[in-house]
Amino acid sequence: MLGVTASIQERFGDAVARDIDAIGGASAGTFGALLLATGLSARALHVDAHLDLVTSVRAKGGPLGRWNDCVSDAFLAYLASVRPDAHADASGRLHISLSRVTASGVRLERKSTFESNEDLVDTMIASSFV
């Protein structure tokens, strides 16, 4: 997903984030949609957040090691990568699909308003969580 997003960003530059009225994502597609909606570089995210996350996960015994710590590390890595006003840029433009699982079944939801960067990143991770 990051490769496709990086290619789009290289081809169209800043116009992607500036000119897109709305973009949606679900699961792994949420990462690309967030990047396109906020103008965060896919290459920077890969280098700054993803590789740091891989190092952290390995240090904790791999993805099946201390899972809660790995999710927390992912949250912090992505949060550190977004601009301070990313949630404002994304609100109303970025539409994330989520599945809410309850005792009575699964309900599909869409979220497009983000109160903070923490809310934005948390929603992105929740959409991608299996």
N, C-alpha and C. Protein backbone atom coordinates (compact mmCIF):
# COMPACT_ATOMS: atom_id res chain seq x y z
N MET A 1 0.82 -1.19 0.00
CA MET A 1 0.00 0.00 0.00
C MET A 1 0.86 1.25 0.00
N LEU A 2 1.95 1.25 0.76
CA LEU A 2 2.80 2.44 0.80
C LEU A 2 3.46 2.70 -0.56
N GLY A 3 3.77 1.64 -1.29
CA GLY A 3 4.38 1.80 -2.61
C GLY A 3 3.44 2.48 -3.59
N VAL A 4 2.19 2.07 -3.60
CA VAL A 4 1.20 2.69 -4.49
C VAL A 4 1.00 4.15 -4.10
N THR A 5 0.88 4.41 -2.83
CA THR A 5 0.68 5.78 -2.36
C THR A 5 1.88 6.64 -2.70
N ALA A 6 3.09 6.11 -2.52
CA ALA A 6 4.30 6.86 -2.86
C ALA A 6 4.32 7.20 -4.35
N SER A 7 3.92 6.26 -5.18
CA SER A 7 3.88 6.52 -6.63
C SER A 7 2.88 7.62 -6.98
N ILE A 8 1.71 7.60 -6.36
CA ILE A 8 0.71 8.64 -6.59
C ILE A 8 1.27 10.00 -6.16
N GLN A 9 1.89 10.02 -4.99
CA GLN A 9 2.45 11.28 -4.49
C GLN A 9 3.57 11.80 -5.39
N GLU A 10 4.42 10.91 -5.88
CA GLU A 10 5.50 11.33 -6.78
C GLU A 10 4.95 11.86 -8.09
N ARG A 11 3.92 11.24 -8.60
CA ARG A 11 3.35 11.64 -9.89
C ARG A 11 2.59 12.96 -9.81
N PHE A 12 1.81 13.16 -8.72
CA PHE A 12 0.94 14.33 -8.64
C PHE A 12 1.39 15.37 -7.61
N GLY A 13 2.38 15.05 -6.80
CA GLY A 13 2.91 16.02 -5.83
C GLY A 13 1.90 16.47 -4.81
N ASP A 14 2.04 17.73 -4.37
CA ASP A 14 1.17 18.29 -3.33
C ASP A 14 -0.28 18.43 -3.76
N ALA A 15 -0.52 18.38 -5.07
CA ALA A 15 -1.89 18.53 -5.57
C ALA A 15 -2.81 17.45 -5.03
N VAL A 16 -2.27 16.28 -4.73
CA VAL A 16 -3.12 15.19 -4.22
C VAL A 16 -3.78 15.61 -2.92
N ALA A 17 -3.00 16.02 -1.94
CA ALA A 17 -3.56 16.39 -0.64
C ALA A 17 -4.39 17.67 -0.74
N ARG A 18 -4.00 18.58 -1.59
CA ARG A 18 -4.67 19.87 -1.70
C ARG A 18 -6.00 19.77 -2.45
N ASP A 19 -6.05 18.95 -3.50
CA ASP A 19 -7.20 18.96 -4.41
C ASP A 19 -8.23 17.86 -4.18
N ILE A 20 -7.93 16.87 -3.37
CA ILE A 20 -8.89 15.79 -3.13
C ILE A 20 -9.95 16.27 -2.12
N ASP A 21 -11.21 16.16 -2.51
CA ASP A 21 -12.29 16.55 -1.61
C ASP A 21 -12.58 15.48 -0.57
N ALA A 22 -12.50 14.21 -0.99
CA ALA A 22 -12.79 13.10 -0.08
C ALA A 22 -12.04 11.87 -0.55
N ILE A 23 -11.62 11.07 0.41
CA ILE A 23 -10.95 9.80 0.12
C ILE A 23 -11.31 8.83 1.23
N GLY A 24 -11.46 7.57 0.88
CA GLY A 24 -11.85 6.58 1.87
C GLY A 24 -10.84 5.46 1.96
N GLY A 25 -10.89 4.77 3.08
CA GLY A 25 -10.01 3.62 3.26
C GLY A 25 -10.57 2.68 4.29
N ALA A 26 -10.21 1.43 4.12
CA ALA A 26 -10.56 0.40 5.10
C ALA A 26 -9.38 -0.55 5.21
N SER A 27 -9.18 -1.08 6.38
CA SER A 27 -8.09 -2.01 6.63
C SER A 27 -6.77 -1.37 6.22
N ALA A 28 -5.92 -2.06 5.47
CA ALA A 28 -4.62 -1.50 5.08
C ALA A 28 -4.78 -0.26 4.21
N GLY A 29 -5.89 -0.14 3.50
CA GLY A 29 -6.13 1.02 2.66
C GLY A 29 -6.26 2.31 3.44
N THR A 30 -6.51 2.20 4.74
CA THR A 30 -6.60 3.37 5.59
C THR A 30 -5.28 4.12 5.65
N PHE A 31 -4.16 3.38 5.63
CA PHE A 31 -2.85 4.02 5.69
C PHE A 31 -2.63 4.91 4.48
N GLY A 32 -2.89 4.39 3.30
CA GLY A 32 -2.73 5.18 2.08
C GLY A 32 -3.68 6.35 2.03
N ALA A 33 -4.92 6.14 2.44
CA ALA A 33 -5.92 7.21 2.44
C ALA A 33 -5.51 8.33 3.39
N LEU A 34 -5.00 7.98 4.56
CA LEU A 34 -4.53 8.98 5.52
C LEU A 34 -3.40 9.80 4.92
N LEU A 35 -2.46 9.14 4.27
CA LEU A 35 -1.32 9.84 3.67
C LEU A 35 -1.79 10.80 2.58
N LEU A 36 -2.69 10.33 1.73
CA LEU A 36 -3.17 11.17 0.63
C LEU A 36 -4.00 12.35 1.15
N ALA A 37 -4.77 12.14 2.20
CA ALA A 37 -5.63 13.20 2.73
C ALA A 37 -4.84 14.26 3.49
N THR A 38 -3.73 13.88 4.09
CA THR A 38 -2.99 14.82 4.94
C THR A 38 -1.69 15.32 4.31
N GLY A 39 -1.26 14.71 3.22
CA GLY A 39 -0.02 15.14 2.58
C GLY A 39 1.23 14.58 3.22
N LEU A 40 1.10 13.67 4.18
CA LEU A 40 2.28 13.04 4.78
C LEU A 40 2.93 12.14 3.74
N SER A 41 4.21 12.21 3.62
CA SER A 41 4.95 11.44 2.63
C SER A 41 4.93 9.95 2.96
N ALA A 42 4.56 9.14 1.98
CA ALA A 42 4.57 7.69 2.17
C ALA A 42 5.98 7.20 2.45
N ARG A 43 6.94 7.76 1.78
CA ARG A 43 8.33 7.36 2.01
C ARG A 43 8.78 7.73 3.42
N ALA A 44 8.40 8.90 3.89
CA ALA A 44 8.76 9.31 5.25
C ALA A 44 8.10 8.40 6.28
N LEU A 45 6.84 8.07 6.05
CA LEU A 45 6.16 7.17 6.98
C LEU A 45 6.86 5.83 7.02
N HIS A 46 7.23 5.32 5.86
CA HIS A 46 7.91 4.03 5.81
C HIS A 46 9.22 4.07 6.57
N VAL A 47 10.00 5.10 6.35
CA VAL A 47 11.31 5.19 6.99
C VAL A 47 11.17 5.54 8.46
N ASP A 48 10.40 6.59 8.76
CA ASP A 48 10.34 7.10 10.13
C ASP A 48 9.54 6.22 11.08
N ALA A 49 8.39 5.75 10.63
CA ALA A 49 7.51 5.02 11.54
C ALA A 49 7.63 3.52 11.37
N HIS A 50 7.52 3.05 10.15
CA HIS A 50 7.43 1.61 9.92
C HIS A 50 8.72 0.88 10.33
N LEU A 51 9.86 1.39 9.91
CA LEU A 51 11.10 0.70 10.24
C LEU A 51 11.39 0.76 11.74
N ASP A 52 11.05 1.88 12.39
CA ASP A 52 11.18 1.96 13.85
C ASP A 52 10.27 0.94 14.53
N LEU A 53 9.07 0.78 13.97
CA LEU A 53 8.11 -0.17 14.52
C LEU A 53 8.63 -1.60 14.39
N VAL A 54 9.18 -1.95 13.24
CA VAL A 54 9.73 -3.29 13.03
C VAL A 54 10.84 -3.57 14.03
N THR A 55 11.71 -2.62 14.25
CA THR A 55 12.79 -2.77 15.22
C THR A 55 12.23 -3.01 16.62
N SER A 56 11.21 -2.25 16.99
CA SER A 56 10.59 -2.38 18.29
C SER A 56 9.93 -3.75 18.47
N VAL A 57 9.21 -4.20 17.43
CA VAL A 57 8.53 -5.50 17.50
C VAL A 57 9.55 -6.62 17.64
N ARG A 58 10.62 -6.55 16.89
CA ARG A 58 11.67 -7.58 16.99
C ARG A 58 12.26 -7.62 18.39
N ALA A 59 12.48 -6.45 18.97
CA ALA A 59 13.07 -6.38 20.31
C ALA A 59 12.15 -6.98 21.37
N LYS A 60 10.87 -7.04 21.08
CA LYS A 60 9.89 -7.56 22.04
C LYS A 60 9.50 -9.01 21.74
N GLY A 61 10.26 -9.67 20.90
CA GLY A 61 10.00 -11.08 20.65
C GLY A 61 9.15 -11.37 19.44
N GLY A 62 9.04 -10.43 18.53
CA GLY A 62 8.26 -10.66 17.32
C GLY A 62 6.81 -10.31 17.52
N PRO A 63 6.01 -10.41 16.45
CA PRO A 63 4.61 -9.98 16.53
C PRO A 63 3.77 -10.81 17.48
N LEU A 64 4.20 -12.00 17.82
CA LEU A 64 3.43 -12.82 18.76
C LEU A 64 4.00 -12.73 20.16
N GLY A 65 5.01 -11.88 20.34
CA GLY A 65 5.62 -11.69 21.66
C GLY A 65 4.67 -10.94 22.57
N ARG A 66 4.97 -9.70 22.85
CA ARG A 66 4.13 -8.87 23.72
C ARG A 66 3.25 -8.01 22.83
N TRP A 67 2.12 -8.59 22.38
CA TRP A 67 1.27 -7.98 21.35
C TRP A 67 0.76 -6.60 21.75
N ASN A 68 0.29 -6.43 22.97
CA ASN A 68 -0.24 -5.13 23.38
C ASN A 68 0.82 -4.05 23.30
N ASP A 69 2.06 -4.39 23.66
CA ASP A 69 3.15 -3.43 23.55
C ASP A 69 3.39 -3.05 22.10
N CYS A 70 3.28 -4.02 21.18
CA CYS A 70 3.50 -3.76 19.76
C CYS A 70 2.44 -2.82 19.20
N VAL A 71 1.18 -3.00 19.59
CA VAL A 71 0.11 -2.11 19.14
C VAL A 71 0.35 -0.71 19.69
N SER A 72 0.76 -0.62 20.94
CA SER A 72 1.06 0.68 21.54
C SER A 72 2.23 1.35 20.81
N ASP A 73 3.24 0.58 20.47
CA ASP A 73 4.39 1.12 19.72
C ASP A 73 3.96 1.61 18.35
N ALA A 74 3.05 0.88 17.69
CA ALA A 74 2.56 1.30 16.38
C ALA A 74 1.83 2.63 16.51
N PHE A 75 0.98 2.75 17.51
CA PHE A 75 0.25 3.99 17.74
C PHE A 75 1.22 5.15 17.91
N LEU A 76 2.23 4.98 18.76
CA LEU A 76 3.17 6.07 19.03
C LEU A 76 4.02 6.40 17.81
N ALA A 77 4.42 5.38 17.04
CA ALA A 77 5.24 5.62 15.85
C ALA A 77 4.46 6.41 14.80
N TYR A 78 3.22 6.03 14.54
CA TYR A 78 2.43 6.75 13.56
C TYR A 78 2.04 8.13 14.06
N LEU A 79 1.74 8.24 15.34
CA LEU A 79 1.39 9.54 15.91
C LEU A 79 2.54 10.53 15.76
N ALA A 80 3.76 10.06 15.98
CA ALA A 80 4.93 10.93 15.85
C ALA A 80 5.17 11.37 14.41
N SER A 81 4.62 10.63 13.45
CA SER A 81 4.87 10.92 12.04
C SER A 81 3.92 11.94 11.42
N VAL A 82 2.75 12.15 12.03
CA VAL A 82 1.78 13.07 11.43
C VAL A 82 2.01 14.50 11.91
N ARG A 83 1.66 15.46 11.06
CA ARG A 83 1.77 16.87 11.42
C ARG A 83 0.82 17.20 12.57
N PRO A 84 1.11 18.23 13.35
CA PRO A 84 0.24 18.57 14.48
C PRO A 84 -1.21 18.85 14.09
N ASP A 85 -1.46 19.33 12.87
CA ASP A 85 -2.82 19.64 12.45
C ASP A 85 -3.41 18.61 11.48
N ALA A 86 -2.83 17.43 11.43
CA ALA A 86 -3.29 16.40 10.48
C ALA A 86 -4.76 16.05 10.69
N HIS A 87 -5.20 15.97 11.94
CA HIS A 87 -6.60 15.61 12.20
C HIS A 87 -7.55 16.64 11.61
N ALA A 88 -7.17 17.91 11.64
CA ALA A 88 -8.01 18.96 11.07
C ALA A 88 -8.08 18.83 9.55
N ASP A 89 -6.92 18.54 8.92
CA ASP A 89 -6.89 18.34 7.46
C ASP A 89 -7.72 17.14 7.05
N ALA A 90 -7.70 16.10 7.87
CA ALA A 90 -8.39 14.85 7.53
C ALA A 90 -9.90 14.91 7.78
N SER A 91 -10.31 15.68 8.78
CA SER A 91 -11.73 15.74 9.14
C SER A 91 -12.57 16.23 7.96
N GLY A 92 -13.60 15.46 7.66
CA GLY A 92 -14.50 15.79 6.57
C GLY A 92 -14.00 15.33 5.20
N ARG A 93 -12.73 14.98 5.10
CA ARG A 93 -12.14 14.55 3.82
C ARG A 93 -11.78 13.06 3.84
N LEU A 94 -11.31 12.58 4.99
CA LEU A 94 -10.91 11.19 5.12
C LEU A 94 -12.05 10.41 5.75
N HIS A 95 -12.48 9.35 5.07
CA HIS A 95 -13.59 8.51 5.55
C HIS A 95 -13.04 7.11 5.78
N ILE A 96 -13.05 6.68 7.03
CA ILE A 96 -12.48 5.39 7.42
C ILE A 96 -13.61 4.43 7.78
N SER A 97 -13.57 3.25 7.18
CA SER A 97 -14.54 2.20 7.49
C SER A 97 -14.04 1.37 8.65
N LEU A 98 -14.95 1.11 9.57
CA LEU A 98 -14.64 0.32 10.76
C LEU A 98 -15.70 -0.76 10.95
N SER A 99 -15.32 -1.85 11.57
CA SER A 99 -16.27 -2.90 11.96
C SER A 99 -16.35 -2.91 13.47
N ARG A 100 -17.51 -2.63 14.01
CA ARG A 100 -17.71 -2.68 15.46
C ARG A 100 -18.27 -4.06 15.80
N VAL A 101 -17.51 -4.82 16.56
CA VAL A 101 -17.90 -6.18 16.93
C VAL A 101 -18.45 -6.16 18.35
N THR A 102 -19.69 -6.62 18.50
CA THR A 102 -20.34 -6.70 19.80
C THR A 102 -20.90 -8.10 19.99
N ALA A 103 -21.45 -8.34 21.15
CA ALA A 103 -22.05 -9.64 21.42
C ALA A 103 -23.22 -9.93 20.48
N SER A 104 -23.86 -8.89 19.97
CA SER A 104 -25.01 -9.10 19.09
C SER A 104 -24.64 -9.14 17.60
N GLY A 105 -23.35 -9.01 17.28
CA GLY A 105 -22.93 -9.11 15.89
C GLY A 105 -21.96 -8.02 15.48
N VAL A 106 -21.82 -7.86 14.17
CA VAL A 106 -20.89 -6.89 13.60
C VAL A 106 -21.69 -5.76 12.95
N ARG A 107 -21.29 -4.54 13.26
CA ARG A 107 -21.94 -3.37 12.66
C ARG A 107 -20.87 -2.54 11.96
N LEU A 108 -21.12 -2.21 10.71
CA LEU A 108 -20.18 -1.40 9.94
C LEU A 108 -20.40 0.07 10.26
N GLU A 109 -19.31 0.80 10.43
CA GLU A 109 -19.39 2.23 10.72
C GLU A 109 -18.40 2.97 9.83
N ARG A 110 -18.62 4.26 9.67
CA ARG A 110 -17.69 5.12 8.95
C ARG A 110 -17.42 6.32 9.83
N LYS A 111 -16.16 6.66 9.92
CA LYS A 111 -15.78 7.82 10.73
C LYS A 111 -15.05 8.81 9.84
N SER A 112 -15.43 10.09 9.94
CA SER A 112 -14.78 11.11 9.12
C SER A 112 -14.51 12.40 9.90
N THR A 113 -14.72 12.39 11.20
CA THR A 113 -14.40 13.54 12.04
C THR A 113 -13.42 13.08 13.11
N PHE A 114 -12.34 13.82 13.25
CA PHE A 114 -11.28 13.43 14.17
C PHE A 114 -10.97 14.60 15.11
N GLU A 115 -11.10 14.37 16.39
CA GLU A 115 -10.93 15.41 17.40
C GLU A 115 -9.47 15.76 17.65
N SER A 116 -8.58 14.82 17.37
CA SER A 116 -7.16 15.03 17.65
C SER A 116 -6.35 14.06 16.77
N ASN A 117 -5.05 14.25 16.75
CA ASN A 117 -4.21 13.30 16.03
C ASN A 117 -4.27 11.92 16.67
N GLU A 118 -4.43 11.88 17.98
CA GLU A 118 -4.56 10.60 18.66
C GLU A 118 -5.80 9.86 18.17
N ASP A 119 -6.90 10.59 18.03
CA ASP A 119 -8.14 10.01 17.53
C ASP A 119 -7.96 9.52 16.09
N LEU A 120 -7.29 10.31 15.26
CA LEU A 120 -7.04 9.95 13.87
C LEU A 120 -6.21 8.67 13.76
N VAL A 121 -5.11 8.60 14.47
CA VAL A 121 -4.23 7.44 14.41
C VAL A 121 -4.90 6.22 15.03
N ASP A 122 -5.60 6.41 16.13
CA ASP A 122 -6.31 5.30 16.77
C ASP A 122 -7.35 4.70 15.81
N THR A 123 -8.07 5.56 15.09
CA THR A 123 -9.07 5.08 14.13
C THR A 123 -8.39 4.33 12.99
N MET A 124 -7.25 4.83 12.50
CA MET A 124 -6.51 4.17 11.45
C MET A 124 -6.07 2.76 11.89
N ILE A 125 -5.54 2.66 13.07
CA ILE A 125 -5.07 1.36 13.58
C ILE A 125 -6.26 0.43 13.81
N ALA A 126 -7.36 0.95 14.35
CA ALA A 126 -8.55 0.12 14.59
C ALA A 126 -9.09 -0.45 13.27
N SER A 127 -9.07 0.33 12.22
CA SER A 127 -9.55 -0.15 10.92
C SER A 127 -8.66 -1.25 10.37
N SER A 128 -7.39 -1.19 10.71
CA SER A 128 -6.42 -2.16 10.18
C SER A 128 -6.27 -3.40 11.07
N PHE A 129 -6.85 -3.34 12.24
CA PHE A 129 -6.64 -4.41 13.23
C PHE A 129 -7.43 -5.66 12.83
N VAL A 130 -6.76 -6.78 12.84
CA VAL A 130 -7.41 -8.06 12.51
C VAL A 130 -7.53 -8.87 13.77
